[in-house]
PDB file of N, CA and C in Angstrom:
ATOM      1  N   MET A   1      78.404 155.797  70.003  1.00  0.00           N
ATOM      2  CA  MET A   1      77.637 154.589  69.806  1.00  0.00           C
ATOM      3  C   MET A   1      78.452 153.423  70.347  1.00  0.00           C
ATOM      4  N   GLU A   2      77.840 152.679  71.235  1.00  0.00           N
ATOM      5  CA  GLU A   2      78.464 151.469  71.769  1.00  0.00           C
ATOM      6  C   GLU A   2      77.754 150.261  71.162  1.00  0.00           C
ATOM      7  N   ILE A   3      78.535 149.299  70.695  1.00  0.00           N
ATOM      8  CA  ILE A   3      77.994 148.089  70.072  1.00  0.00           C
ATOM      9  C   ILE A   3      78.533 146.883  70.829  1.00  0.00           C
ATOM     10  N   VAL A   4      77.630 146.053  71.337  1.00  0.00           N
ATOM     11  CA  VAL A   4      78.008 144.838  72.053  1.00  0.00           C
ATOM     12  C   VAL A   4      77.369 143.662  71.336  1.00  0.00           C
ATOM     13  N   HIS A   5      78.194 142.691  70.973  1.00  0.00           N
ATOM     14  CA  HIS A   5      77.717 141.500  70.276  1.00  0.00           C
ATOM     15  C   HIS A   5      77.608 140.379  71.291  1.00  0.00           C
ATOM     16  N   ASP A   6      76.417 139.815  71.453  1.00  0.00           N
ATOM     17  CA  ASP A   6      76.180 138.741  72.417  1.00  0.00           C
ATOM     18  C   ASP A   6      75.387 137.636  71.738  1.00  0.00           C
ATOM     19  N   GLY A   7      76.065 136.663  71.178  1.00  0.00           N
ATOM     20  CA  GLY A   7      75.386 135.573  70.481  1.00  0.00           C
ATOM     21  C   GLY A   7      74.657 136.078  69.250  1.00  0.00           C
ATOM     22  N   GLN A   8      73.352 135.880  69.217  1.00  0.00           N
ATOM     23  CA  GLN A   8      72.542 136.323  68.078  1.00  0.00           C
ATOM     24  C   GLN A   8      71.984 137.728  68.281  1.00  0.00           C
ATOM     25  N   THR A   9      72.471 138.427  69.284  1.00  0.00           N
ATOM     26  CA  THR A   9      71.967 139.770  69.576  1.00  0.00           C
ATOM     27  C   THR A   9      73.085 140.797  69.444  1.00  0.00           C
ATOM     28  N   LEU A  10      72.758 141.884  68.777  1.00  0.00           N
ATOM     29  CA  LEU A  10      73.656 143.028  68.657  1.00  0.00           C
ATOM     30  C   LEU A  10      73.002 144.150  69.449  1.00  0.00           C
ATOM     31  N   MET A  11      73.617 144.537  70.578  1.00  0.00           N
ATOM     32  CA  MET A  11      73.040 145.560  71.447  1.00  0.00           C
ATOM     33  C   MET A  11      73.692 146.900  71.156  1.00  0.00           C
ATOM     34  N   LEU A  12      72.864 147.887  70.820  1.00  0.00           N
ATOM     35  CA  LEU A  12      73.347 149.226  70.507  1.00  0.00           C
ATOM     36  C   LEU A  12      72.917 150.187  71.611  1.00  0.00           C
ATOM     37  N   SER A  13      73.787 151.128  71.919  1.00  0.00           N
ATOM     38  CA  SER A  13      73.408 152.155  72.888  1.00  0.00           C
ATOM     39  C   SER A  13      74.056 153.476  72.497  1.00  0.00           C
ATOM     40  N   GLY A  14      73.351 154.551  72.810  1.00  0.00           N
ATOM     41  CA  GLY A  14      73.820 155.892  72.468  1.00  0.00           C
ATOM     42  C   GLY A  14      73.007 156.480  71.333  1.00  0.00           C
ATOM     43  N   ASP A  15      73.584 157.461  70.655  1.00  0.00           N
ATOM     44  CA  ASP A  15      72.926 158.101  69.523  1.00  0.00           C
ATOM     45  C   ASP A  15      73.286 157.352  68.249  1.00  0.00           C
ATOM     46  N   PHE A  16      72.271 156.825  67.578  1.00  0.00           N
ATOM     47  CA  PHE A  16      72.479 156.111  66.321  1.00  0.00           C
ATOM     48  C   PHE A  16      72.135 157.089  65.207  1.00  0.00           C
ATOM     49  N   ASP A  17      73.181 157.679  64.651  1.00  0.00           N
ATOM     50  CA  ASP A  17      72.982 158.680  63.614  1.00  0.00           C
ATOM     51  C   ASP A  17      74.029 158.508  62.523  1.00  0.00           C
ATOM     52  N   VAL A  18      74.111 159.461  61.629  1.00  0.00           N
ATOM     53  CA  VAL A  18      74.987 159.367  60.469  1.00  0.00           C
ATOM     54  C   VAL A  18      76.445 159.107  60.868  1.00  0.00           C
ATOM     55  N   ARG A  19      76.853 159.567  62.036  1.00  0.00           N
ATOM     56  CA  ARG A  19      78.239 159.378  62.475  1.00  0.00           C
ATOM     57  C   ARG A  19      78.567 157.934  62.827  1.00  0.00           C
ATOM     58  N   SER A  20      77.561 157.132  63.162  1.00  0.00           N
ATOM     59  CA  SER A  20      77.818 155.755  63.597  1.00  0.00           C
ATOM     60  C   SER A  20      77.288 154.701  62.627  1.00  0.00           C
ATOM     61  N   THR A  21      76.738 155.118  61.502  1.00  0.00           N
ATOM     62  CA  THR A  21      76.124 154.129  60.596  1.00  0.00           C
ATOM     63  C   THR A  21      77.132 153.149  60.010  1.00  0.00           C
ATOM     64  N   MET A  22      78.324 153.593  59.660  1.00  0.00           N
ATOM     65  CA  MET A  22      79.315 152.669  59.089  1.00  0.00           C
ATOM     66  C   MET A  22      79.717 151.597  60.096  1.00  0.00           C
ATOM     67  N   GLU A  23      79.891 151.997  61.341  1.00  0.00           N
ATOM     68  CA  GLU A  23      80.266 151.061  62.395  1.00  0.00           C
ATOM     69  C   GLU A  23      79.166 150.016  62.617  1.00  0.00           C
ATOM     70  N   VAL A  24      77.924 150.470  62.663  1.00  0.00           N
ATOM     71  CA  VAL A  24      76.798 149.557  62.869  1.00  0.00           C
ATOM     72  C   VAL A  24      76.609 148.669  61.645  1.00  0.00           C
ATOM     73  N   ARG A  25      76.691 149.248  60.470  1.00  0.00           N
ATOM     74  CA  ARG A  25      76.554 148.477  59.230  1.00  0.00           C
ATOM     75  C   ARG A  25      77.599 147.357  59.183  1.00  0.00           C
ATOM     76  N   SER A  26      78.824 147.665  59.528  1.00  0.00           N
ATOM     77  CA  SER A  26      79.891 146.659  59.531  1.00  0.00           C
ATOM     78  C   SER A  26      79.606 145.546  60.538  1.00  0.00           C
ATOM     79  N   ALA A  27      79.144 145.912  61.730  1.00  0.00           N
ATOM     80  CA  ALA A  27      78.832 144.910  62.757  1.00  0.00           C
ATOM     81  C   ALA A  27      77.692 144.000  62.311  1.00  0.00           C
ATOM     82  N   ILE A  28      76.677 144.560  61.673  1.00  0.00           N
ATOM     83  CA  ILE A  28      75.553 143.764  61.186  1.00  0.00           C
ATOM     84  C   ILE A  28      76.017 142.812  60.086  1.00  0.00           C
ATOM     85  N   HIS A  29      76.782 143.328  59.132  1.00  0.00           N
ATOM     86  CA  HIS A  29      77.246 142.482  58.030  1.00  0.00           C
ATOM     87  C   HIS A  29      78.192 141.389  58.507  1.00  0.00           C
ATOM     88  N   GLU A  30      79.044 141.700  59.476  1.00  0.00           N
ATOM     89  CA  GLU A  30      79.928 140.693  60.056  1.00  0.00           C
ATOM     90  C   GLU A  30      79.120 139.537  60.609  1.00  0.00           C
ATOM     91  N   HIS A  31      78.069 139.864  61.319  1.00  0.00           N
ATOM     92  CA  HIS A  31      77.228 138.826  61.919  1.00  0.00           C
ATOM     93  C   HIS A  31      76.486 138.035  60.845  1.00  0.00           C
ATOM     94  N   LEU A  32      75.864 138.726  59.898  1.00  0.00           N
ATOM     95  CA  LEU A  32      75.068 138.039  58.879  1.00  0.00           C
ATOM     96  C   LEU A  32      75.932 137.191  57.959  1.00  0.00           C
ATOM     97  N   ASP A  33      77.203 137.532  57.820  1.00  0.00           N
ATOM     98  CA  ASP A  33      78.116 136.745  56.987  1.00  0.00           C
ATOM     99  C   ASP A  33      78.710 135.570  57.739  1.00  0.00           C
ATOM    100  N   GLY A  34      78.498 135.506  59.052  1.00  0.00           N
ATOM    101  CA  GLY A  34      79.069 134.447  59.881  1.00  0.00           C
ATOM    102  C   GLY A  34      78.194 133.203  59.904  1.00  0.00           C
ATOM    103  N   ILE A  35      78.460 132.354  60.881  1.00  0.00           N
ATOM    104  CA  ILE A  35      77.733 131.081  61.012  1.00  0.00           C
ATOM    105  C   ILE A  35      76.309 131.316  61.489  1.00  0.00           C
ATOM    106  N   ASP A  36      76.142 132.097  62.579  1.00  0.00           N
ATOM    107  CA  ASP A  36      74.808 132.446  63.083  1.00  0.00           C
ATOM    108  C   ASP A  36      74.299 133.610  62.265  1.00  0.00           C
ATOM    109  N   GLN A  37      73.395 133.343  61.349  1.00  0.00           N
ATOM    110  CA  GLN A  37      73.039 134.388  60.410  1.00  0.00           C
ATOM    111  C   GLN A  37      71.751 135.124  60.746  1.00  0.00           C
ATOM    112  N   ASN A  38      70.933 134.630  61.665  1.00  0.00           N
ATOM    113  CA  ASN A  38      69.779 135.394  62.123  1.00  0.00           C
ATOM    114  C   ASN A  38      70.269 136.362  63.189  1.00  0.00           C
ATOM    115  N   LEU A  39      69.643 137.523  63.256  1.00  0.00           N
ATOM    116  CA  LEU A  39      70.153 138.557  64.150  1.00  0.00           C
ATOM    117  C   LEU A  39      69.023 139.358  64.774  1.00  0.00           C
ATOM    118  N   VAL A  40      69.174 139.639  66.062  1.00  0.00           N
ATOM    119  CA  VAL A  40      68.301 140.563  66.776  1.00  0.00           C
ATOM    120  C   VAL A  40      69.131 141.804  67.070  1.00  0.00           C
ATOM    121  N   VAL A  41      68.643 142.961  66.648  1.00  0.00           N
ATOM    122  CA  VAL A  41      69.308 144.227  66.944  1.00  0.00           C
ATOM    123  C   VAL A  41      68.530 144.879  68.083  1.00  0.00           C
ATOM    124  N   ASP A  42      69.159 144.931  69.246  1.00  0.00           N
ATOM    125  CA  ASP A  42      68.520 145.480  70.441  1.00  0.00           C
ATOM    126  C   ASP A  42      68.800 146.983  70.504  1.00  0.00           C
ATOM    127  N   LEU A  43      67.741 147.773  70.368  1.00  0.00           N
ATOM    128  CA  LEU A  43      67.851 149.226  70.345  1.00  0.00           C
ATOM    129  C   LEU A  43      67.390 149.864  71.649  1.00  0.00           C
ATOM    130  N   SER A  44      67.232 149.067  72.699  1.00  0.00           N
ATOM    131  CA  SER A  44      66.707 149.615  73.954  1.00  0.00           C
ATOM    132  C   SER A  44      67.622 150.680  74.549  1.00  0.00           C
ATOM    133  N   GLY A  45      68.913 150.677  74.199  1.00  0.00           N
ATOM    134  CA  GLY A  45      69.827 151.689  74.705  1.00  0.00           C
ATOM    135  C   GLY A  45      70.025 152.865  73.761  1.00  0.00           C
ATOM    136  N   VAL A  46      69.291 152.874  72.648  1.00  0.00           N
ATOM    137  CA  VAL A  46      69.434 153.946  71.666  1.00  0.00           C
ATOM    138  C   VAL A  46      68.499 155.094  72.026  1.00  0.00           C
ATOM    139  N   SER A  47      69.076 156.278  72.211  1.00  0.00           N
ATOM    140  CA  SER A  47      68.267 157.429  72.606  1.00  0.00           C
ATOM    141  C   SER A  47      67.716 158.176  71.392  1.00  0.00           C
ATOM    142  N   THR A  48      68.488 158.264  70.320  1.00  0.00           N
ATOM    143  CA  THR A  48      68.021 158.928  69.105  1.00  0.00           C
ATOM    144  C   THR A  48      68.416 158.118  67.880  1.00  0.00           C
ATOM    145  N   LEU A  49      67.608 158.248  66.845  1.00  0.00           N
ATOM    146  CA  LEU A  49      67.831 157.553  65.579  1.00  0.00           C
ATOM    147  C   LEU A  49      67.506 158.539  64.470  1.00  0.00           C
ATOM    148  N   ASP A  50      68.420 158.705  63.525  1.00  0.00           N
ATOM    149  CA  ASP A  50      68.106 159.589  62.409  1.00  0.00           C
ATOM    150  C   ASP A  50      67.725 158.760  61.181  1.00  0.00           C
ATOM    151  N   VAL A  51      67.348 159.430  60.107  1.00  0.00           N
ATOM    152  CA  VAL A  51      66.848 158.730  58.928  1.00  0.00           C
ATOM    153  C   VAL A  51      67.935 157.875  58.274  1.00  0.00           C
ATOM    154  N   THR A  52      69.178 158.306  58.334  1.00  0.00           N
ATOM    155  CA  THR A  52      70.272 157.508  57.771  1.00  0.00           C
ATOM    156  C   THR A  52      70.414 156.188  58.519  1.00  0.00           C
ATOM    157  N   ALA A  53      70.321 156.232  59.826  1.00  0.00           N
ATOM    158  CA  ALA A  53      70.402 155.021  60.638  1.00  0.00           C
ATOM    159  C   ALA A  53      69.197 154.114  60.371  1.00  0.00           C
ATOM    160  N   ALA A  54      68.016 154.700  60.221  1.00  0.00           N
ATOM    161  CA  ALA A  54      66.822 153.906  59.902  1.00  0.00           C
ATOM    162  C   ALA A  54      66.993 153.197  58.564  1.00  0.00           C
ATOM    163  N   ARG A  55      67.603 153.869  57.609  1.00  0.00           N
ATOM    164  CA  ARG A  55      67.864 153.246  56.299  1.00  0.00           C
ATOM    165  C   ARG A  55      68.831 152.082  56.426  1.00  0.00           C
ATOM    166  N   VAL A  56      69.839 152.213  57.271  1.00  0.00           N
ATOM    167  CA  VAL A  56      70.796 151.121  57.490  1.00  0.00           C
ATOM    168  C   VAL A  56      70.058 149.887  58.011  1.00  0.00           C
ATOM    169  N   LEU A  57      69.172 150.076  58.977  1.00  0.00           N
ATOM    170  CA  LEU A  57      68.419 148.951  59.544  1.00  0.00           C
ATOM    171  C   LEU A  57      67.483 148.336  58.518  1.00  0.00           C
ATOM    172  N   ALA A  58      66.796 149.172  57.741  1.00  0.00           N
ATOM    173  CA  ALA A  58      65.869 148.661  56.728  1.00  0.00           C
ATOM    174  C   ALA A  58      66.617 147.891  55.650  1.00  0.00           C
ATOM    175  N   TYR A  59      67.726 148.424  55.180  1.00  0.00           N
ATOM    176  CA  TYR A  59      68.486 147.757  54.127  1.00  0.00           C
ATOM    177  C   TYR A  59      69.090 146.447  54.634  1.00  0.00           C
ATOM    178  N   ALA A  60      69.594 146.435  55.866  1.00  0.00           N
ATOM    179  CA  ALA A  60      70.149 145.212  56.446  1.00  0.00           C
ATOM    180  C   ALA A  60      69.073 144.155  56.589  1.00  0.00           C
ATOM    181  N   SER A  61      67.872 144.576  56.949  1.00  0.00           N
ATOM    182  CA  SER A  61      66.752 143.643  57.074  1.00  0.00           C
ATOM    183  C   SER A  61      66.398 143.031  55.719  1.00  0.00           C
ATOM    184  N   LEU A  62      66.362 143.857  54.688  1.00  0.00           N
ATOM    185  CA  LEU A  62      66.082 143.363  53.334  1.00  0.00           C
ATOM    186  C   LEU A  62      67.166 142.411  52.856  1.00  0.00           C
ATOM    187  N   GLU A  63      68.427 142.754  53.089  1.00  0.00           N
ATOM    188  CA  GLU A  63      69.544 141.897  52.690  1.00  0.00           C
ATOM    189  C   GLU A  63      69.492 140.552  53.406  1.00  0.00           C
ATOM    190  N   ALA A  64      69.178 140.582  54.690  1.00  0.00           N
ATOM    191  CA  ALA A  64      69.081 139.342  55.455  1.00  0.00           C
ATOM    192  C   ALA A  64      67.987 138.455  54.870  1.00  0.00           C
ATOM    193  N   GLY A  65      66.843 139.037  54.556  1.00  0.00           N
ATOM    194  CA  GLY A  65      65.740 138.275  53.979  1.00  0.00           C
ATOM    195  C   GLY A  65      66.082 137.675  52.631  1.00  0.00           C
ATOM    196  N   ARG A  66      66.796 138.430  51.812  1.00  0.00           N
ATOM    197  CA  ARG A  66      67.188 137.924  50.488  1.00  0.00           C
ATOM    198  C   ARG A  66      68.106 136.712  50.580  1.00  0.00           C
ATOM    199  N   SER A  67      68.897 136.653  51.636  1.00  0.00           N
ATOM    200  CA  SER A  67      69.819 135.526  51.779  1.00  0.00           C
ATOM    201  C   SER A  67      69.239 134.415  52.654  1.00  0.00           C
ATOM    202  N   GLY A  68      67.940 134.502  52.960  1.00  0.00           N
ATOM    203  CA  GLY A  68      67.277 133.446  53.723  1.00  0.00           C
ATOM    204  C   GLY A  68      67.437 133.570  55.227  1.00  0.00           C
ATOM    205  N   ASN A  69      67.869 134.712  55.684  1.00  0.00           N
ATOM    206  CA  ASN A  69      68.056 134.945  57.114  1.00  0.00           C
ATOM    207  C   ASN A  69      67.002 135.925  57.608  1.00  0.00           C
ATOM    208  N   HIS A  70      67.105 136.256  58.893  1.00  0.00           N
ATOM    209  CA  HIS A  70      66.097 137.137  59.479  1.00  0.00           C
ATOM    210  C   HIS A  70      66.768 138.137  60.409  1.00  0.00           C
ATOM    211  N   LEU A  71      66.266 139.361  60.401  1.00  0.00           N
ATOM    212  CA  LEU A  71      66.747 140.409  61.296  1.00  0.00           C
ATOM    213  C   LEU A  71      65.532 141.033  61.982  1.00  0.00           C
ATOM    214  N   TRP A  72      65.563 141.065  63.314  1.00  0.00           N
ATOM    215  CA  TRP A  72      64.489 141.659  64.112  1.00  0.00           C
ATOM    216  C   TRP A  72      65.043 142.853  64.866  1.00  0.00           C
ATOM    217  N   LEU A  73      64.187 143.813  65.150  1.00  0.00           N
ATOM    218  CA  LEU A  73      64.536 144.929  66.020  1.00  0.00           C
ATOM    219  C   LEU A  73      63.838 144.722  67.356  1.00  0.00           C
ATOM    220  N   ARG A  74      64.576 144.916  68.428  1.00  0.00           N
ATOM    221  CA  ARG A  74      64.031 144.735  69.781  1.00  0.00           C
ATOM    222  C   ARG A  74      64.256 146.017  70.571  1.00  0.00           C
ATOM    223  N   GLY A  75      63.337 146.312  71.461  1.00  0.00           N
ATOM    224  CA  GLY A  75      63.519 147.429  72.387  1.00  0.00           C
ATOM    225  C   GLY A  75      63.432 148.803  71.747  1.00  0.00           C
ATOM    226  N   CYS A  76      62.583 148.931  70.740  1.00  0.00           N
ATOM    227  CA  CYS A  76      62.438 150.218  70.058  1.00  0.00           C
ATOM    228  C   CYS A  76      61.629 151.181  70.930  1.00  0.00           C
ATOM    229  N   GLY A  77      62.274 152.239  71.371  1.00  0.00           N
ATOM    230  CA  GLY A  77      61.594 153.257  72.155  1.00  0.00           C
ATOM    231  C   GLY A  77      60.758 154.160  71.261  1.00  0.00           C
ATOM    232  N   PRO A  78      60.034 155.096  71.852  1.00  0.00           N
ATOM    233  CA  PRO A  78      59.165 155.986  71.080  1.00  0.00           C
ATOM    234  C   PRO A  78      59.887 156.781  69.987  1.00  0.00           C
ATOM    235  N   ALA A  79      61.087 157.279  70.280  1.00  0.00           N
ATOM    236  CA  ALA A  79      61.827 158.068  69.281  1.00  0.00           C
ATOM    237  C   ALA A  79      62.219 157.207  68.081  1.00  0.00           C
ATOM    238  N   VAL A  80      62.624 155.979  68.347  1.00  0.00           N
ATOM    239  CA  VAL A  80      63.012 155.057  67.268  1.00  0.00           C
ATOM    240  C   VAL A  80      61.790 154.695  66.431  1.00  0.00           C
ATOM    241  N   ARG A  81      60.698 154.348  67.088  1.00  0.00           N
ATOM    242  CA  ARG A  81      59.467 153.989  66.362  1.00  0.00           C
ATOM    243  C   ARG A  81      58.958 155.173  65.527  1.00  0.00           C
ATOM    244  N   ARG A  82      59.036 156.359  66.089  1.00  0.00           N
ATOM    245  CA  ARG A  82      58.581 157.552  65.384  1.00  0.00           C
ATOM    246  C   ARG A  82      59.402 157.771  64.108  1.00  0.00           C
ATOM    247  N   MET A  83      60.724 157.632  64.204  1.00  0.00           N
ATOM    248  CA  MET A  83      61.569 157.835  63.024  1.00  0.00           C
ATOM    249  C   MET A  83      61.302 156.761  61.970  1.00  0.00           C
ATOM    250  N   LEU A  84      61.084 155.517  62.394  1.00  0.00           N
ATOM    251  CA  LEU A  84      60.766 154.458  61.430  1.00  0.00           C
ATOM    252  C   LEU A  84      59.457 154.762  60.702  1.00  0.00           C
ATOM    253  N   GLN A  85      58.489 155.313  61.431  1.00  0.00           N
ATOM    254  CA  GLN A  85      57.209 155.673  60.810  1.00  0.00           C
ATOM    255  C   GLN A  85      57.350 156.894  59.898  1.00  0.00           C
ATOM    256  N   LEU A  86      58.001 157.936  60.385  1.00  0.00           N
ATOM    257  CA  LEU A  86      58.146 159.171  59.602  1.00  0.00           C
ATOM    258  C   LEU A  86      58.948 158.940  58.315  1.00  0.00           C
ATOM    259  N   SER A  87      59.930 158.065  58.388  1.00  0.00           N
ATOM    260  CA  SER A  87      60.771 157.793  57.224  1.00  0.00           C
ATOM    261  C   SER A  87      60.127 156.773  56.282  1.00  0.00           C
ATOM    262  N   ARG A  88      58.996 156.237  56.702  1.00  0.00           N
ATOM    263  CA  ARG A  88      58.273 155.209  55.945  1.00  0.00           C
ATOM    264  C   ARG A  88      59.087 153.941  55.740  1.00  0.00           C
ATOM    265  N   LEU A  89      59.986 153.682  56.665  1.00  0.00           N
ATOM    266  CA  LEU A  89      60.823 152.484  56.589  1.00  0.00           C
ATOM    267  C   LEU A  89      60.329 151.376  57.523  1.00  0.00           C
ATOM    268  N   ALA A  90      59.298 151.655  58.306  1.00  0.00           N
ATOM    269  CA  ALA A  90      58.785 150.669  59.255  1.00  0.00           C
ATOM    270  C   ALA A  90      58.311 149.399  58.558  1.00  0.00           C
ATOM    271  N   ARG A  91      57.845 149.527  57.330  1.00  0.00           N
ATOM    272  CA  ARG A  91      57.342 148.348  56.618  1.00  0.00           C
ATOM    273  C   ARG A  91      58.457 147.406  56.177  1.00  0.00           C
ATOM    274  N   PHE A  92      59.706 147.863  56.235  1.00  0.00           N
ATOM    275  CA  PHE A  92      60.831 147.040  55.802  1.00  0.00           C
ATOM    276  C   PHE A  92      61.541 146.330  56.950  1.00  0.00           C
ATOM    277  N   VAL A  93      61.164 146.639  58.169  1.00  0.00           N
ATOM    278  CA  VAL A  93      61.818 146.028  59.338  1.00  0.00           C
ATOM    279  C   VAL A  93      60.761 145.316  60.183  1.00  0.00           C
ATOM    280  N   GLU A  94      61.209 144.296  60.904  1.00  0.00           N
ATOM    281  CA  GLU A  94      60.306 143.610  61.827  1.00  0.00           C
ATOM    282  C   GLU A  94      60.682 144.006  63.233  1.00  0.00           C
ATOM    283  N   VAL A  95      59.729 144.611  63.932  1.00  0.00           N
ATOM    284  CA  VAL A  95      59.944 145.040  65.308  1.00  0.00           C
ATOM    285  C   VAL A  95      59.318 144.004  66.222  1.00  0.00           C
ATOM    286  N   GLU A  96      60.138 143.465  67.129  1.00  0.00           N
ATOM    287  CA  GLU A  96      59.635 142.493  68.092  1.00  0.00           C
ATOM    288  C   GLU A  96      58.617 143.156  69.000  1.00  0.00           C
ATOM    289  N   ARG A  97      57.520 142.482  69.209  1.00  0.00           N
ATOM    290  CA  ARG A  97      56.512 143.027  70.135  1.00  0.00           C
ATOM    291  C   ARG A  97      56.978 142.858  71.550  1.00  0.00           C
ATOM    292  N   ALA A  98      56.738 143.871  72.369  1.00  0.00           N
ATOM    293  CA  ALA A  98      57.111 143.815  73.786  1.00  0.00           C
ATOM    294  C   ALA A  98      56.197 142.827  74.495  1.00  0.00           C
ATOM    295  N   ALA A  99      56.744 142.089  75.427  1.00  0.00           N
ATOM    296  CA  ALA A  99      55.952 141.152  76.200  1.00  0.00           C
ATOM    297  C   ALA A  99      54.948 141.919  77.059  1.00  0.00           C
ATOM    298  N   ALA A 100      53.720 141.438  77.100  1.00  0.00           N
ATOM    299  CA  ALA A 100      52.683 142.103  77.905  1.00  0.00           C
ATOM    300  C   ALA A 100      52.986 141.906  79.376  1.00  0.00           C
ATOM    301  N   SER A 101      52.870 142.973  80.140  1.00  0.00           N
ATOM    302  CA  SER A 101      53.113 142.862  81.581  1.00  0.00           C
ATOM    303  C   SER A 101      51.847 142.422  82.291  1.00  0.00           C
ATOM    304  N   ALA A 102      51.994 141.605  83.316  1.00  0.00           N
ATOM    305  CA  ALA A 102      50.828 141.055  84.014  1.00  0.00           C
ATOM    306  C   ALA A 102      50.290 141.992  85.052  1.00  0.00           C
TER     307      ALA A 102
END
């Protein structure tokens, strides 16, 4: 799992699974505890997502909301969207809508 922090965006790439959840959780909390507290998590480079990783995103989203901040997911591919739906965690996260192509 590669994590790149760019302003208000946290870009993830690779397999987001139980092996990388602590690293991602720490990066999210570092950002939310800092000055810029709203966060976009860009998952366009994530090839697979397991239920543990989906829980990390859902819980981080809830925590951000409780503290008056916001967390969005961007670039969710079919595998990521499917896991969010199957795990019933989609209702706890906000997925940015893709811009319509002309």
